[in-house]
Amino acid sequence: MSHLRVYSTPAGVSLGLLDQIAPGKARNFVLEIGEAHFHGFVVRQDDRVYGYVDRCPHAGMPLAQELDDYLTPRGDLIVCSWHGALFRISSGLCIGGPCGGQSLTPWPVTLRDGQIVTS
């Protein structure tokens, strides 16, 4: 099994229907890219989606300790469950915690005919 990791994906990869993510929730995605793997997550706010590489800028670890658990209880911010860093959903900017001023790496995603697609 390969442990190589990549931090981007090709455009046009369908990730599934928007309805697979409840409004105000997030979902983890692991994609096999050749011999490597990509780890990312998508946050849904109403009918908008925001994608990010699943890697905290503070420690380089995945943000969620539990599957799909990327948001604060109110669902208004992304949170690193390891160190408590808080990020804006719309920009990935860290607004609290040990990586203040840094940002999550965007993972470009869009909606196309009800499908979440990499762009």
C-alpha atoms as a PDB file:
ATOM      1  CA  MET A   1       0.000   0.000   0.000  1.00  0.00           C
ATOM      2  CA  SER A   2       1.357   3.398  -1.011  1.00  0.00           C
ATOM      3  CA  HIS A   3       1.680   6.181   1.562  1.00  0.00           C
ATOM      4  CA  LEU A   4       2.450   8.853  -1.029  1.00  0.00           C
ATOM      5  CA  ARG A   5       0.227  11.879  -0.674  1.00  0.00           C
ATOM      6  CA  VAL A   6      -0.707  14.506  -3.245  1.00  0.00           C
ATOM      7  CA  TYR A   7      -2.279  17.876  -2.500  1.00  0.00           C
ATOM      8  CA  SER A   8      -4.333  18.499  -5.639  1.00  0.00           C
ATOM      9  CA  THR A   9      -6.642  16.604  -7.950  1.00  0.00           C
ATOM     10  CA  PRO A  10      -7.429  16.769 -11.649  1.00  0.00           C
ATOM     11  CA  ALA A  11     -10.423  18.837 -12.715  1.00  0.00           C
ATOM     12  CA  GLY A  12     -13.660  17.094 -13.612  1.00  0.00           C
ATOM     13  CA  VAL A  13     -13.712  14.368 -10.947  1.00  0.00           C
ATOM     14  CA  SER A  14     -17.276  13.792  -9.747  1.00  0.00           C
ATOM     15  CA  LEU A  15     -17.459  13.482  -5.966  1.00  0.00           C
ATOM     16  CA  GLY A  16     -21.164  12.673  -5.806  1.00  0.00           C
ATOM     17  CA  LEU A  17     -24.467  14.431  -5.368  1.00  0.00           C
ATOM     18  CA  LEU A  18     -24.766  17.624  -3.335  1.00  0.00           C
ATOM     19  CA  ASP A  19     -27.543  15.928  -1.347  1.00  0.00           C
ATOM     20  CA  GLN A  20     -24.965  13.526   0.122  1.00  0.00           C
ATOM     21  CA  ILE A  21     -23.799  16.384   2.350  1.00  0.00           C
ATOM     22  CA  ALA A  22     -26.421  17.923   4.627  1.00  0.00           C
ATOM     23  CA  PRO A  23     -26.550  21.748   4.687  1.00  0.00           C
ATOM     24  CA  GLY A  24     -24.122  23.067   7.294  1.00  0.00           C
ATOM     25  CA  LYS A  25     -22.087  19.845   7.343  1.00  0.00           C
ATOM     26  CA  ALA A  26     -18.843  18.558   5.824  1.00  0.00           C
ATOM     27  CA  ARG A  27     -17.667  15.324   4.222  1.00  0.00           C
ATOM     28  CA  ASN A  28     -14.247  13.728   3.892  1.00  0.00           C
ATOM     29  CA  PHE A  29     -12.946  12.474   0.542  1.00  0.00           C
ATOM     30  CA  VAL A  30      -9.940  10.265  -0.155  1.00  0.00           C
ATOM     31  CA  LEU A  31      -9.085   9.890  -3.831  1.00  0.00           C
ATOM     32  CA  GLU A  32      -6.547   7.559  -5.389  1.00  0.00           C
ATOM     33  CA  ILE A  33      -4.413   9.530  -7.849  1.00  0.00           C
ATOM     34  CA  GLY A  34      -2.110   7.083  -9.598  1.00  0.00           C
ATOM     35  CA  GLU A  35       0.051   5.544  -6.867  1.00  0.00           C
ATOM     36  CA  ALA A  36      -0.752   8.287  -4.350  1.00  0.00           C
ATOM     37  CA  HIS A  37      -3.730   9.457  -2.313  1.00  0.00           C
ATOM     38  CA  PHE A  38      -5.409  12.826  -1.931  1.00  0.00           C
ATOM     39  CA  HIS A  39      -7.204  13.688   1.329  1.00  0.00           C
ATOM     40  CA  GLY A  40      -9.701  16.535   1.272  1.00  0.00           C
ATOM     41  CA  PHE A  41     -13.067  17.624   2.573  1.00  0.00           C
ATOM     42  CA  VAL A  42     -16.039  19.579   1.285  1.00  0.00           C
ATOM     43  CA  VAL A  43     -18.240  21.880   3.377  1.00  0.00           C
ATOM     44  CA  ARG A  44     -21.785  22.607   2.266  1.00  0.00           C
ATOM     45  CA  GLN A  45     -23.442  25.918   3.121  1.00  0.00           C
ATOM     46  CA  ASP A  46     -26.929  25.996   1.618  1.00  0.00           C
ATOM     47  CA  ASP A  47     -26.267  25.385  -2.099  1.00  0.00           C
ATOM     48  CA  ARG A  48     -22.589  26.397  -2.032  1.00  0.00           C
ATOM     49  CA  VAL A  49     -19.618  24.098  -1.559  1.00  0.00           C
ATOM     50  CA  TYR A  50     -16.109  24.832  -0.326  1.00  0.00           C
ATOM     51  CA  GLY A  51     -13.279  22.335  -0.631  1.00  0.00           C
ATOM     52  CA  TYR A  52     -10.016  22.140   1.285  1.00  0.00           C
ATOM     53  CA  VAL A  53      -7.028  19.842   1.508  1.00  0.00           C
ATOM     54  CA  ASP A  54      -7.339  17.933   4.786  1.00  0.00           C
ATOM     55  CA  ARG A  55      -4.134  19.264   6.336  1.00  0.00           C
ATOM     56  CA  CYS A  56      -3.787  21.763   9.168  1.00  0.00           C
ATOM     57  CA  PRO A  57      -1.237  24.504   8.375  1.00  0.00           C
ATOM     58  CA  HIS A  58      -0.074  24.404  12.017  1.00  0.00           C
ATOM     59  CA  ALA A  59       1.009  20.765  12.370  1.00  0.00           C
ATOM     60  CA  GLY A  60       0.454  19.222   8.928  1.00  0.00           C
ATOM     61  CA  MET A  61      -2.052  16.717  10.303  1.00  0.00           C
ATOM     62  CA  PRO A  62      -5.593  15.981   9.116  1.00  0.00           C
ATOM     63  CA  LEU A  63      -8.048  18.317  10.858  1.00  0.00           C
ATOM     64  CA  ALA A  64     -10.663  15.800  11.992  1.00  0.00           C
ATOM     65  CA  GLN A  65     -10.082  13.077  14.560  1.00  0.00           C
ATOM     66  CA  GLU A  66     -13.495  11.615  13.712  1.00  0.00           C
ATOM     67  CA  LEU A  67     -14.771  11.017  10.177  1.00  0.00           C
ATOM     68  CA  ASP A  68     -16.492  14.088   8.686  1.00  0.00           C
ATOM     69  CA  ASP A  69     -16.152  16.083  11.949  1.00  0.00           C
ATOM     70  CA  TYR A  70     -14.708  19.309  10.490  1.00  0.00           C
ATOM     71  CA  LEU A  71     -17.043  21.989  11.854  1.00  0.00           C
ATOM     72  CA  THR A  72     -17.735  23.670  15.162  1.00  0.00           C
ATOM     73  CA  PRO A  73     -20.973  22.586  16.903  1.00  0.00           C
ATOM     74  CA  ARG A  74     -22.741  25.649  15.422  1.00  0.00           C
ATOM     75  CA  GLY A  75     -21.456  24.728  11.960  1.00  0.00           C
ATOM     76  CA  ASP A  76     -20.175  28.241  11.336  1.00  0.00           C
ATOM     77  CA  LEU A  77     -16.411  27.547  11.306  1.00  0.00           C
ATOM     78  CA  ILE A  78     -13.989  24.788  10.360  1.00  0.00           C
ATOM     79  CA  VAL A  79     -12.083  23.515  13.402  1.00  0.00           C
ATOM     80  CA  CYS A  80      -8.896  21.503  13.818  1.00  0.00           C
ATOM     81  CA  SER A  81      -9.853  18.916  16.424  1.00  0.00           C
ATOM     82  CA  TRP A  82      -6.211  18.477  17.487  1.00  0.00           C
ATOM     83  CA  HIS A  83      -5.274  22.028  18.468  1.00  0.00           C
ATOM     84  CA  GLY A  84      -8.511  24.033  18.246  1.00  0.00           C
ATOM     85  CA  ALA A  85      -7.551  26.254  15.307  1.00  0.00           C
ATOM     86  CA  LEU A  86     -10.594  27.930  13.750  1.00  0.00           C
ATOM     87  CA  PHE A  87     -10.969  28.690  10.036  1.00  0.00           C
ATOM     88  CA  ARG A  88     -13.511  30.640   7.996  1.00  0.00           C
ATOM     89  CA  ILE A  89     -15.487  28.323   5.748  1.00  0.00           C
ATOM     90  CA  SER A  90     -15.561  30.710   2.783  1.00  0.00           C
ATOM     91  CA  SER A  91     -11.816  31.447   2.705  1.00  0.00           C
ATOM     92  CA  GLY A  92      -9.986  28.888   4.848  1.00  0.00           C
ATOM     93  CA  LEU A  93      -8.324  31.727   6.792  1.00  0.00           C
ATOM     94  CA  CYS A  94      -7.300  30.826  10.349  1.00  0.00           C
ATOM     95  CA  ILE A  95      -8.958  33.313  12.701  1.00  0.00           C
ATOM     96  CA  GLY A  96      -8.067  31.659  16.001  1.00  0.00           C
ATOM     97  CA  GLY A  97      -5.617  29.213  17.481  1.00  0.00           C
ATOM     98  CA  PRO A  98      -1.976  28.356  16.836  1.00  0.00           C
ATOM     99  CA  CYS A  99      -1.936  29.127  13.109  1.00  0.00           C
ATOM    100  CA  GLY A 100      -3.480  32.612  13.173  1.00  0.00           C
ATOM    101  CA  GLY A 101      -3.209  34.348   9.818  1.00  0.00           C
ATOM    102  CA  GLN A 102      -2.401  31.163   7.887  1.00  0.00           C
ATOM    103  CA  SER A 103      -4.936  29.443   5.631  1.00  0.00           C
ATOM    104  CA  LEU A 104      -6.092  26.009   4.662  1.00  0.00           C
ATOM    105  CA  THR A 105      -5.087  24.937   1.160  1.00  0.00           C
ATOM    106  CA  PRO A 106      -8.106  25.340  -1.140  1.00  0.00           C
ATOM    107  CA  TRP A 107      -9.364  22.327  -3.080  1.00  0.00           C
ATOM    108  CA  PRO A 108     -11.311  23.799  -6.013  1.00  0.00           C
ATOM    109  CA  VAL A 109     -14.773  22.232  -6.247  1.00  0.00           C
ATOM    110  CA  THR A 110     -17.970  23.385  -7.923  1.00  0.00           C
ATOM    111  CA  LEU A 111     -21.549  22.296  -8.487  1.00  0.00           C
ATOM    112  CA  ARG A 112     -22.599  20.981 -11.873  1.00  0.00           C
ATOM    113  CA  ASP A 113     -26.138  19.628 -12.351  1.00  0.00           C
ATOM    114  CA  GLY A 114     -26.454  18.731  -8.674  1.00  0.00           C
ATOM    115  CA  GLN A 115     -23.043  17.016  -8.592  1.00  0.00           C
ATOM    116  CA  ILE A 116     -19.979  18.158  -6.665  1.00  0.00           C
ATOM    117  CA  VAL A 117     -17.106  18.211  -9.158  1.00  0.00           C
ATOM    118  CA  THR A 118     -13.434  19.128  -8.833  1.00  0.00           C
ATOM    119  CA  SER A 119     -12.485  22.200 -10.845  1.00  0.00           C
END
